[in-house]
Amino acid sequence: MGEEYRAKVFKSGNSLALRLPKALGLKEGAEMKVREESGRFVVEHADAKRKITGEGWMGMLPGLKPLTREEREFEASPRPWDDPDWKWPSQK
């Protein structure tokens, strides 16, 4: 376990706030998640939603490279209902 710190709860507007020691290394404005588990409060960083990218493992696969913007564009696939003479199965 890490070190133990004491923190004060105080009123901030119509809410309560928890003053955390600077020694914890948090940055001002950092977003945190707080949840209650069996009478204990767990405070942890609220990580931004991370995008899944292949940057870490793509270099391990020879011949695999990211698609260019042009390669990512696809032609629209024809759909039966785009045909003016097409009827829904229930209309036949």
PDB file of N, CA and C in Angstrom:
ATOM      1  N   MET A   1       0.834  -1.191   0.000  1.00  0.00           N
ATOM      2  CA  MET A   1       0.000   0.000   0.000  1.00  0.00           C
ATOM      3  C   MET A   1       0.869   1.241   0.000  1.00  0.00           C
ATOM      4  N   GLY A   2       0.295   2.322  -0.527  1.00  0.00           N
ATOM      5  CA  GLY A   2       1.012   3.587  -0.563  1.00  0.00           C
ATOM      6  C   GLY A   2       0.889   4.338   0.753  1.00  0.00           C
ATOM      7  N   GLU A   3       1.352   5.581   0.709  1.00  0.00           N
ATOM      8  CA  GLU A   3       1.267   6.410   1.914  1.00  0.00           C
ATOM      9  C   GLU A   3      -0.174   6.795   2.194  1.00  0.00           C
ATOM     10  N   GLU A   4      -0.443   7.152   3.434  1.00  0.00           N
ATOM     11  CA  GLU A   4      -1.780   7.568   3.835  1.00  0.00           C
ATOM     12  C   GLU A   4      -1.784   9.072   4.064  1.00  0.00           C
ATOM     13  N   TYR A   5      -2.817   9.745   3.549  1.00  0.00           N
ATOM     14  CA  TYR A   5      -2.958  11.189   3.708  1.00  0.00           C
ATOM     15  C   TYR A   5      -4.321  11.480   4.314  1.00  0.00           C
ATOM     16  N   ARG A   6      -4.432  12.611   4.964  1.00  0.00           N
ATOM     17  CA  ARG A   6      -5.729  13.065   5.463  1.00  0.00           C
ATOM     18  C   ARG A   6      -6.213  14.183   4.560  1.00  0.00           C
ATOM     19  N   ALA A   7      -7.516  14.218   4.340  1.00  0.00           N
ATOM     20  CA  ALA A   7      -8.095  15.244   3.480  1.00  0.00           C
ATOM     21  C   ALA A   7      -9.328  15.805   4.173  1.00  0.00           C
ATOM     22  N   LYS A   8      -9.622  17.078   3.906  1.00  0.00           N
ATOM     23  CA  LYS A   8     -10.766  17.741   4.518  1.00  0.00           C
ATOM     24  C   LYS A   8     -11.909  17.880   3.530  1.00  0.00           C
ATOM     25  N   VAL A   9     -13.116  17.663   4.020  1.00  0.00           N
ATOM     26  CA  VAL A   9     -14.321  17.918   3.248  1.00  0.00           C
ATOM     27  C   VAL A   9     -14.792  19.311   3.636  1.00  0.00           C
ATOM     28  N   PHE A  10     -15.142  20.116   2.620  1.00  0.00           N
ATOM     29  CA  PHE A  10     -15.621  21.475   2.899  1.00  0.00           C
ATOM     30  C   PHE A  10     -16.748  21.818   1.936  1.00  0.00           C
ATOM     31  N   LYS A  11     -17.486  22.878   2.274  1.00  0.00           N
ATOM     32  CA  LYS A  11     -18.598  23.292   1.436  1.00  0.00           C
ATOM     33  C   LYS A  11     -18.068  24.185   0.326  1.00  0.00           C
ATOM     34  N   SER A  12     -18.504  23.899  -0.905  1.00  0.00           N
ATOM     35  CA  SER A  12     -18.133  24.696  -2.065  1.00  0.00           C
ATOM     36  C   SER A  12     -19.418  24.976  -2.834  1.00  0.00           C
ATOM     37  N   GLY A  13     -19.993  26.167  -2.651  1.00  0.00           N
ATOM     38  CA  GLY A  13     -21.292  26.461  -3.243  1.00  0.00           C
ATOM     39  C   GLY A  13     -22.343  25.598  -2.577  1.00  0.00           C
ATOM     40  N   ASN A  14     -23.143  24.889  -3.371  1.00  0.00           N
ATOM     41  CA  ASN A  14     -24.158  23.992  -2.819  1.00  0.00           C
ATOM     42  C   ASN A  14     -23.669  22.550  -2.754  1.00  0.00           C
ATOM     43  N   SER A  15     -22.374  22.339  -2.972  1.00  0.00           N
ATOM     44  CA  SER A  15     -21.812  20.991  -2.973  1.00  0.00           C
ATOM     45  C   SER A  15     -20.800  20.834  -1.852  1.00  0.00           C
ATOM     46  N   LEU A  16     -20.385  19.618  -1.660  1.00  0.00           N
ATOM     47  CA  LEU A  16     -19.264  19.343  -0.773  1.00  0.00           C
ATOM     48  C   LEU A  16     -18.060  19.044  -1.644  1.00  0.00           C
ATOM     49  N   ALA A  17     -16.891  19.435  -1.183  1.00  0.00           N
ATOM     50  CA  ALA A  17     -15.662  19.201  -1.932  1.00  0.00           C
ATOM     51  C   ALA A  17     -14.664  18.514  -1.020  1.00  0.00           C
ATOM     52  N   LEU A  18     -13.764  17.777  -1.612  1.00  0.00           N
ATOM     53  CA  LEU A  18     -12.729  17.084  -0.865  1.00  0.00           C
ATOM     54  C   LEU A  18     -11.394  17.687  -1.265  1.00  0.00           C
ATOM     55  N   ARG A  19     -10.693  18.259  -0.301  1.00  0.00           N
ATOM     56  CA  ARG A  19      -9.395  18.874  -0.571  1.00  0.00           C
ATOM     57  C   ARG A  19      -8.335  17.783  -0.464  1.00  0.00           C
ATOM     58  N   LEU A  20      -7.658  17.527  -1.569  1.00  0.00           N
ATOM     59  CA  LEU A  20      -6.644  16.468  -1.602  1.00  0.00           C
ATOM     60  C   LEU A  20      -5.251  17.074  -1.494  1.00  0.00           C
ATOM     61  N   PRO A  21      -4.350  16.411  -0.795  1.00  0.00           N
ATOM     62  CA  PRO A  21      -2.994  16.932  -0.639  1.00  0.00           C
ATOM     63  C   PRO A  21      -2.246  17.035  -1.974  1.00  0.00           C
ATOM     64  N   LYS A  22      -1.457  18.082  -2.103  1.00  0.00           N
ATOM     65  CA  LYS A  22      -0.658  18.308  -3.308  1.00  0.00           C
ATOM     66  C   LYS A  22       0.314  17.143  -3.535  1.00  0.00           C
ATOM     67  N   ALA A  23       0.718  16.501  -2.455  1.00  0.00           N
ATOM     68  CA  ALA A  23       1.688  15.405  -2.534  1.00  0.00           C
ATOM     69  C   ALA A  23       1.174  14.230  -3.374  1.00  0.00           C
ATOM     70  N   LEU A  24      -0.114  14.176  -3.627  1.00  0.00           N
ATOM     71  CA  LEU A  24      -0.654  13.093  -4.448  1.00  0.00           C
ATOM     72  C   LEU A  24      -0.301  13.267  -5.920  1.00  0.00           C
ATOM     73  N   GLY A  25       0.141  14.457  -6.294  1.00  0.00           N
ATOM     74  CA  GLY A  25       0.593  14.680  -7.662  1.00  0.00           C
ATOM     75  C   GLY A  25      -0.515  14.924  -8.668  1.00  0.00           C
ATOM     76  N   LEU A  26      -1.711  15.253  -8.205  1.00  0.00           N
ATOM     77  CA  LEU A  26      -2.810  15.541  -9.126  1.00  0.00           C
ATOM     78  C   LEU A  26      -2.632  16.925  -9.725  1.00  0.00           C
ATOM     79  N   LYS A  27      -3.111  17.098 -10.941  1.00  0.00           N
ATOM     80  CA  LYS A  27      -3.051  18.389 -11.617  1.00  0.00           C
ATOM     81  C   LYS A  27      -4.391  19.091 -11.467  1.00  0.00           C
ATOM     82  N   GLU A  28      -4.362  20.412 -11.368  1.00  0.00           N
ATOM     83  CA  GLU A  28      -5.592  21.192 -11.277  1.00  0.00           C
ATOM     84  C   GLU A  28      -6.439  20.949 -12.522  1.00  0.00           C
ATOM     85  N   GLY A  29      -7.715  20.697 -12.317  1.00  0.00           N
ATOM     86  CA  GLY A  29      -8.619  20.448 -13.439  1.00  0.00           C
ATOM     87  C   GLY A  29      -8.691  18.989 -13.851  1.00  0.00           C
ATOM     88  N   ALA A  30      -7.894  18.128 -13.233  1.00  0.00           N
ATOM     89  CA  ALA A  30      -7.935  16.700 -13.580  1.00  0.00           C
ATOM     90  C   ALA A  30      -9.316  16.149 -13.251  1.00  0.00           C
ATOM     91  N   GLU A  31      -9.860  15.345 -14.148  1.00  0.00           N
ATOM     92  CA  GLU A  31     -11.172  14.749 -13.927  1.00  0.00           C
ATOM     93  C   GLU A  31     -11.003  13.418 -13.208  1.00  0.00           C
ATOM     94  N   MET A  32     -11.806  13.234 -12.181  1.00  0.00           N
ATOM     95  CA  MET A  32     -11.702  12.041 -11.354  1.00  0.00           C
ATOM     96  C   MET A  32     -13.051  11.331 -11.312  1.00  0.00           C
ATOM     97  N   LYS A  33     -13.015  10.013 -11.102  1.00  0.00           N
ATOM     98  CA  LYS A  33     -14.224   9.226 -10.874  1.00  0.00           C
ATOM     99  C   LYS A  33     -14.254   8.876  -9.399  1.00  0.00           C
ATOM    100  N   VAL A  34     -15.437   8.977  -8.791  1.00  0.00           N
ATOM    101  CA  VAL A  34     -15.606   8.610  -7.388  1.00  0.00           C
ATOM    102  C   VAL A  34     -16.737   7.605  -7.320  1.00  0.00           C
ATOM    103  N   ARG A  35     -16.511   6.505  -6.630  1.00  0.00           N
ATOM    104  CA  ARG A  35     -17.574   5.526  -6.442  1.00  0.00           C
ATOM    105  C   ARG A  35     -17.512   5.004  -5.013  1.00  0.00           C
ATOM    106  N   GLU A  36     -18.665   4.536  -4.557  1.00  0.00           N
ATOM    107  CA  GLU A  36     -18.761   3.993  -3.206  1.00  0.00           C
ATOM    108  C   GLU A  36     -18.803   2.482  -3.306  1.00  0.00           C
ATOM    109  N   GLU A  37     -17.949   1.824  -2.560  1.00  0.00           N
ATOM    110  CA  GLU A  37     -17.905   0.361  -2.528  1.00  0.00           C
ATOM    111  C   GLU A  37     -17.905  -0.094  -1.080  1.00  0.00           C
ATOM    112  N   SER A  38     -18.994  -0.674  -0.646  1.00  0.00           N
ATOM    113  CA  SER A  38     -19.110  -1.222   0.706  1.00  0.00           C
ATOM    114  C   SER A  38     -18.698  -0.219   1.778  1.00  0.00           C
ATOM    115  N   GLY A  39     -19.203   0.998   1.678  1.00  0.00           N
ATOM    116  CA  GLY A  39     -18.913   2.012   2.691  1.00  0.00           C
ATOM    117  C   GLY A  39     -17.590   2.733   2.509  1.00  0.00           C
ATOM    118  N   ARG A  40     -16.834   2.401   1.478  1.00  0.00           N
ATOM    119  CA  ARG A  40     -15.555   3.075   1.196  1.00  0.00           C
ATOM    120  C   ARG A  40     -15.709   3.872  -0.089  1.00  0.00           C
ATOM    121  N   PHE A  41     -14.976   4.953  -0.202  1.00  0.00           N
ATOM    122  CA  PHE A  41     -14.982   5.747  -1.419  1.00  0.00           C
ATOM    123  C   PHE A  41     -13.709   5.468  -2.194  1.00  0.00           C
ATOM    124  N   VAL A  42     -13.868   5.196  -3.458  1.00  0.00           N
ATOM    125  CA  VAL A  42     -12.728   4.937  -4.334  1.00  0.00           C
ATOM    126  C   VAL A  42     -12.641   6.114  -5.301  1.00  0.00           C
ATOM    127  N   VAL A  43     -11.479   6.762  -5.340  1.00  0.00           N
ATOM    128  CA  VAL A  43     -11.253   7.914  -6.211  1.00  0.00           C
ATOM    129  C   VAL A  43     -10.163   7.514  -7.196  1.00  0.00           C
ATOM    130  N   GLU A  44     -10.446   7.675  -8.500  1.00  0.00           N
ATOM    131  CA  GLU A  44      -9.455   7.329  -9.509  1.00  0.00           C
ATOM    132  C   GLU A  44      -9.584   8.266 -10.699  1.00  0.00           C
ATOM    133  N   HIS A  45      -8.523   8.343 -11.484  1.00  0.00           N
ATOM    134  CA  HIS A  45      -8.538   9.195 -12.679  1.00  0.00           C
ATOM    135  C   HIS A  45      -9.634   8.722 -13.622  1.00  0.00           C
ATOM    136  N   ALA A  46     -10.350   9.677 -14.201  1.00  0.00           N
ATOM    137  CA  ALA A  46     -11.352   9.365 -15.214  1.00  0.00           C
ATOM    138  C   ALA A  46     -10.641   9.483 -16.551  1.00  0.00           C
ATOM    139  N   ASP A  47     -10.090   8.385 -17.019  1.00  0.00           N
ATOM    140  CA  ASP A  47      -9.351   8.408 -18.280  1.00  0.00           C
ATOM    141  C   ASP A  47     -10.271   8.840 -19.397  1.00  0.00           C
ATOM    142  N   ALA A  48      -9.749   9.648 -20.281  1.00  0.00           N
ATOM    143  CA  ALA A  48     -10.519  10.016 -21.463  1.00  0.00           C
ATOM    144  C   ALA A  48     -10.764   8.747 -22.264  1.00  0.00           C
ATOM    145  N   LYS A  49     -11.847   8.741 -23.004  1.00  0.00           N
ATOM    146  CA  LYS A  49     -12.108   7.568 -23.829  1.00  0.00           C
ATOM    147  C   LYS A  49     -10.940   7.389 -24.780  1.00  0.00           C
ATOM    148  N   ARG A  50     -10.366   6.235 -24.724  1.00  0.00           N
ATOM    149  CA  ARG A  50      -9.199   5.970 -25.556  1.00  0.00           C
ATOM    150  C   ARG A  50      -9.618   5.329 -26.859  1.00  0.00           C
ATOM    151  N   LYS A  51      -9.056   5.825 -27.922  1.00  0.00           N
ATOM    152  CA  LYS A  51      -9.305   5.223 -29.218  1.00  0.00           C
ATOM    153  C   LYS A  51      -8.383   4.023 -29.374  1.00  0.00           C
ATOM    154  N   ILE A  52      -8.879   3.000 -29.963  1.00  0.00           N
ATOM    155  CA  ILE A  52      -8.054   1.828 -30.227  1.00  0.00           C
ATOM    156  C   ILE A  52      -7.318   2.082 -31.527  1.00  0.00           C
ATOM    157  N   THR A  53      -6.023   2.081 -31.439  1.00  0.00           N
ATOM    158  CA  THR A  53      -5.213   2.266 -32.638  1.00  0.00           C
ATOM    159  C   THR A  53      -4.258   1.090 -32.754  1.00  0.00           C
ATOM    160  N   GLY A  54      -3.740   0.900 -33.918  1.00  0.00           N
ATOM    161  CA  GLY A  54      -2.809  -0.194 -34.135  1.00  0.00           C
ATOM    162  C   GLY A  54      -1.368   0.246 -34.043  1.00  0.00           C
ATOM    163  N   GLU A  55      -1.136   1.461 -33.556  1.00  0.00           N
ATOM    164  CA  GLU A  55       0.219   1.993 -33.539  1.00  0.00           C
ATOM    165  C   GLU A  55       1.201   1.114 -32.780  1.00  0.00           C
ATOM    166  N   GLY A  56       0.759   0.521 -31.697  1.00  0.00           N
ATOM    167  CA  GLY A  56       1.679  -0.271 -30.893  1.00  0.00           C
ATOM    168  C   GLY A  56       2.060  -1.603 -31.514  1.00  0.00           C
ATOM    169  N   TRP A  57       1.133  -2.246 -32.184  1.00  0.00           N
ATOM    170  CA  TRP A  57       1.395  -3.591 -32.696  1.00  0.00           C
ATOM    171  C   TRP A  57       1.543  -3.644 -34.208  1.00  0.00           C
ATOM    172  N   MET A  58       1.240  -2.550 -34.916  1.00  0.00           N
ATOM    173  CA  MET A  58       1.319  -2.602 -36.372  1.00  0.00           C
ATOM    174  C   MET A  58       2.746  -2.815 -36.870  1.00  0.00           C
ATOM    175  N   GLY A  59       3.713  -2.295 -36.135  1.00  0.00           N
ATOM    176  CA  GLY A  59       5.093  -2.461 -36.560  1.00  0.00           C
ATOM    177  C   GLY A  59       5.564  -3.902 -36.496  1.00  0.00           C
ATOM    178  N   MET A  60       4.848  -4.737 -35.755  1.00  0.00           N
ATOM    179  CA  MET A  60       5.236  -6.133 -35.618  1.00  0.00           C
ATOM    180  C   MET A  60       4.733  -6.992 -36.774  1.00  0.00           C
ATOM    181  N   LEU A  61       3.843  -6.440 -37.601  1.00  0.00           N
ATOM    182  CA  LEU A  61       3.263  -7.210 -38.699  1.00  0.00           C
ATOM    183  C   LEU A  61       3.799  -6.672 -40.021  1.00  0.00           C
ATOM    184  N   PRO A  62       4.729  -7.375 -40.639  1.00  0.00           N
ATOM    185  CA  PRO A  62       5.299  -6.878 -41.885  1.00  0.00           C
ATOM    186  C   PRO A  62       4.241  -6.764 -42.974  1.00  0.00           C
ATOM    187  N   GLY A  63       4.322  -5.708 -43.742  1.00  0.00           N
ATOM    188  CA  GLY A  63       3.393  -5.509 -44.846  1.00  0.00           C
ATOM    189  C   GLY A  63       2.096  -4.824 -44.452  1.00  0.00           C
ATOM    190  N   LEU A  64       1.853  -4.629 -43.155  1.00  0.00           N
ATOM    191  CA  LEU A  64       0.627  -3.981 -42.711  1.00  0.00           C
ATOM    192  C   LEU A  64       0.910  -2.503 -42.511  1.00  0.00           C
ATOM    193  N   LYS A  65       0.117  -1.682 -43.144  1.00  0.00           N
ATOM    194  CA  LYS A  65       0.300  -0.240 -42.998  1.00  0.00           C
ATOM    195  C   LYS A  65      -1.072   0.411 -42.899  1.00  0.00           C
ATOM    196  N   PRO A  66      -1.154   1.592 -42.280  1.00  0.00           N
ATOM    197  CA  PRO A  66      -2.450   2.273 -42.183  1.00  0.00           C
ATOM    198  C   PRO A  66      -2.957   2.669 -43.570  1.00  0.00           C
ATOM    199  N   LEU A  67      -4.259   2.688 -43.729  1.00  0.00           N
ATOM    200  CA  LEU A  67      -4.855   3.122 -44.990  1.00  0.00           C
ATOM    201  C   LEU A  67      -4.763   4.639 -45.100  1.00  0.00           C
ATOM    202  N   THR A  68      -4.565   5.114 -46.306  1.00  0.00           N
ATOM    203  CA  THR A  68      -4.587   6.556 -46.533  1.00  0.00           C
ATOM    204  C   THR A  68      -6.043   7.008 -46.540  1.00  0.00           C
ATOM    205  N   ARG A  69      -6.261   8.308 -46.495  1.00  0.00           N
ATOM    206  CA  ARG A  69      -7.620   8.835 -46.511  1.00  0.00           C
ATOM    207  C   ARG A  69      -8.361   8.378 -47.765  1.00  0.00           C
ATOM    208  N   GLU A  70      -7.667   8.379 -48.902  1.00  0.00           N
ATOM    209  CA  GLU A  70      -8.297   7.955 -50.155  1.00  0.00           C
ATOM    210  C   GLU A  70      -8.670   6.473 -50.114  1.00  0.00           C
ATOM    211  N   GLU A  71      -7.823   5.660 -49.506  1.00  0.00           N
ATOM    212  CA  GLU A  71      -8.093   4.222 -49.436  1.00  0.00           C
ATOM    213  C   GLU A  71      -9.251   3.901 -48.496  1.00  0.00           C
ATOM    214  N   ARG A  72      -9.570   4.822 -47.582  1.00  0.00           N
ATOM    215  CA  ARG A  72     -10.653   4.589 -46.629  1.00  0.00           C
ATOM    216  C   ARG A  72     -12.022   4.922 -47.194  1.00  0.00           C
ATOM    217  N   GLU A  73     -12.076   5.551 -48.359  1.00  0.00           N
ATOM    218  CA  GLU A  73     -13.361   5.905 -48.942  1.00  0.00           C
ATOM    219  C   GLU A  73     -13.837   4.782 -49.852  1.00  0.00           C
ATOM    220  N   PHE A  74     -15.075   4.393 -49.679  1.00  0.00           N
ATOM    221  CA  PHE A  74     -15.644   3.292 -50.431  1.00  0.00           C
ATOM    222  C   PHE A  74     -16.781   3.803 -51.304  1.00  0.00           C
ATOM    223  N   GLU A  75     -16.993   3.120 -52.414  1.00  0.00           N
ATOM    224  CA  GLU A  75     -18.136   3.450 -53.255  1.00  0.00           C
ATOM    225  C   GLU A  75     -19.401   2.944 -52.574  1.00  0.00           C
ATOM    226  N   ALA A  76     -20.481   3.679 -52.788  1.00  0.00           N
ATOM    227  CA  ALA A  76     -21.753   3.257 -52.209  1.00  0.00           C
ATOM    228  C   ALA A  76     -22.188   1.949 -52.867  1.00  0.00           C
ATOM    229  N   SER A  77     -22.603   1.006 -52.056  1.00  0.00           N
ATOM    230  CA  SER A  77     -23.053  -0.264 -52.618  1.00  0.00           C
ATOM    231  C   SER A  77     -24.501  -0.118 -53.066  1.00  0.00           C
ATOM    232  N   PRO A  78     -24.854  -0.699 -54.216  1.00  0.00           N
ATOM    233  CA  PRO A  78     -26.241  -0.570 -54.698  1.00  0.00           C
ATOM    234  C   PRO A  78     -27.189  -1.323 -53.776  1.00  0.00           C
ATOM    235  N   ARG A  79     -28.338  -0.722 -53.537  1.00  0.00           N
ATOM    236  CA  ARG A  79     -29.348  -1.344 -52.696  1.00  0.00           C
ATOM    237  C   ARG A  79     -30.607  -1.533 -53.527  1.00  0.00           C
ATOM    238  N   PRO A  80     -31.321  -2.618 -53.318  1.00  0.00           N
ATOM    239  CA  PRO A  80     -32.498  -2.891 -54.140  1.00  0.00           C
ATOM    240  C   PRO A  80     -33.533  -1.777 -54.060  1.00  0.00           C
ATOM    241  N   TRP A  81     -33.703  -1.174 -52.903  1.00  0.00           N
ATOM    242  CA  TRP A  81     -34.745  -0.157 -52.740  1.00  0.00           C
ATOM    243  C   TRP A  81     -34.389   1.168 -53.415  1.00  0.00           C
ATOM    244  N   ASP A  82     -33.146   1.281 -53.920  1.00  0.00           N
ATOM    245  CA  ASP A  82     -32.788   2.466 -54.694  1.00  0.00           C
ATOM    246  C   ASP A  82     -33.341   2.394 -56.115  1.00  0.00           C
ATOM    247  N   ASP A  83     -33.709   1.210 -56.561  1.00  0.00           N
ATOM    248  CA  ASP A  83     -34.288   1.011 -57.892  1.00  0.00           C
ATOM    249  C   ASP A  83     -35.742   1.479 -57.853  1.00  0.00           C
ATOM    250  N   PRO A  84     -36.150   2.415 -58.735  1.00  0.00           N
ATOM    251  CA  PRO A  84     -37.527   2.928 -58.686  1.00  0.00           C
ATOM    252  C   PRO A  84     -38.588   1.849 -58.936  1.00  0.00           C
ATOM    253  N   ASP A  85     -38.233   0.751 -59.612  1.00  0.00           N
ATOM    254  CA  ASP A  85     -39.203  -0.311 -59.885  1.00  0.00           C
ATOM    255  C   ASP A  85     -39.254  -1.374 -58.785  1.00  0.00           C
ATOM    256  N   TRP A  86     -38.403  -1.266 -57.801  1.00  0.00           N
ATOM    257  CA  TRP A  86     -38.352  -2.272 -56.733  1.00  0.00           C
ATOM    258  C   TRP A  86     -39.525  -2.121 -55.796  1.00  0.00           C
ATOM    259  N   LYS A  87     -40.117  -3.228 -55.393  1.00  0.00           N
ATOM    260  CA  LYS A  87     -41.236  -3.203 -54.442  1.00  0.00           C
ATOM    261  C   LYS A  87     -40.850  -4.010 -53.212  1.00  0.00           C
ATOM    262  N   TRP A  88     -41.327  -3.545 -52.089  1.00  0.00           N
ATOM    263  CA  TRP A  88     -41.093  -4.278 -50.849  1.00  0.00           C
ATOM    264  C   TRP A  88     -41.747  -5.650 -50.974  1.00  0.00           C
ATOM    265  N   PRO A  89     -41.176  -6.664 -50.337  1.00  0.00           N
ATOM    266  CA  PRO A  89     -41.771  -8.011 -50.425  1.00  0.00           C
ATOM    267  C   PRO A  89     -43.252  -8.026 -50.027  1.00  0.00           C
ATOM    268  N   SER A  90     -43.637  -7.188 -49.106  1.00  0.00           N
ATOM    269  CA  SER A  90     -45.052  -7.167 -48.679  1.00  0.00           C
ATOM    270  C   SER A  90     -45.950  -6.517 -49.732  1.00  0.00           C
ATOM    271  N   GLN A  91     -45.363  -5.810 -50.726  1.00  0.00           N
ATOM    272  CA  GLN A  91     -46.156  -5.142 -51.753  1.00  0.00           C
ATOM    273  C   GLN A  91     -46.315  -5.995 -53.008  1.00  0.00           C
ATOM    274  N   LYS A  92     -45.670  -7.145 -53.056  1.00  0.00           N
ATOM    275  CA  LYS A  92     -45.716  -7.970 -54.272  1.00  0.00           C
ATOM    276  C   LYS A  92     -46.985  -8.747 -54.354  1.00  0.00           C
TER     277      LYS A  92
END
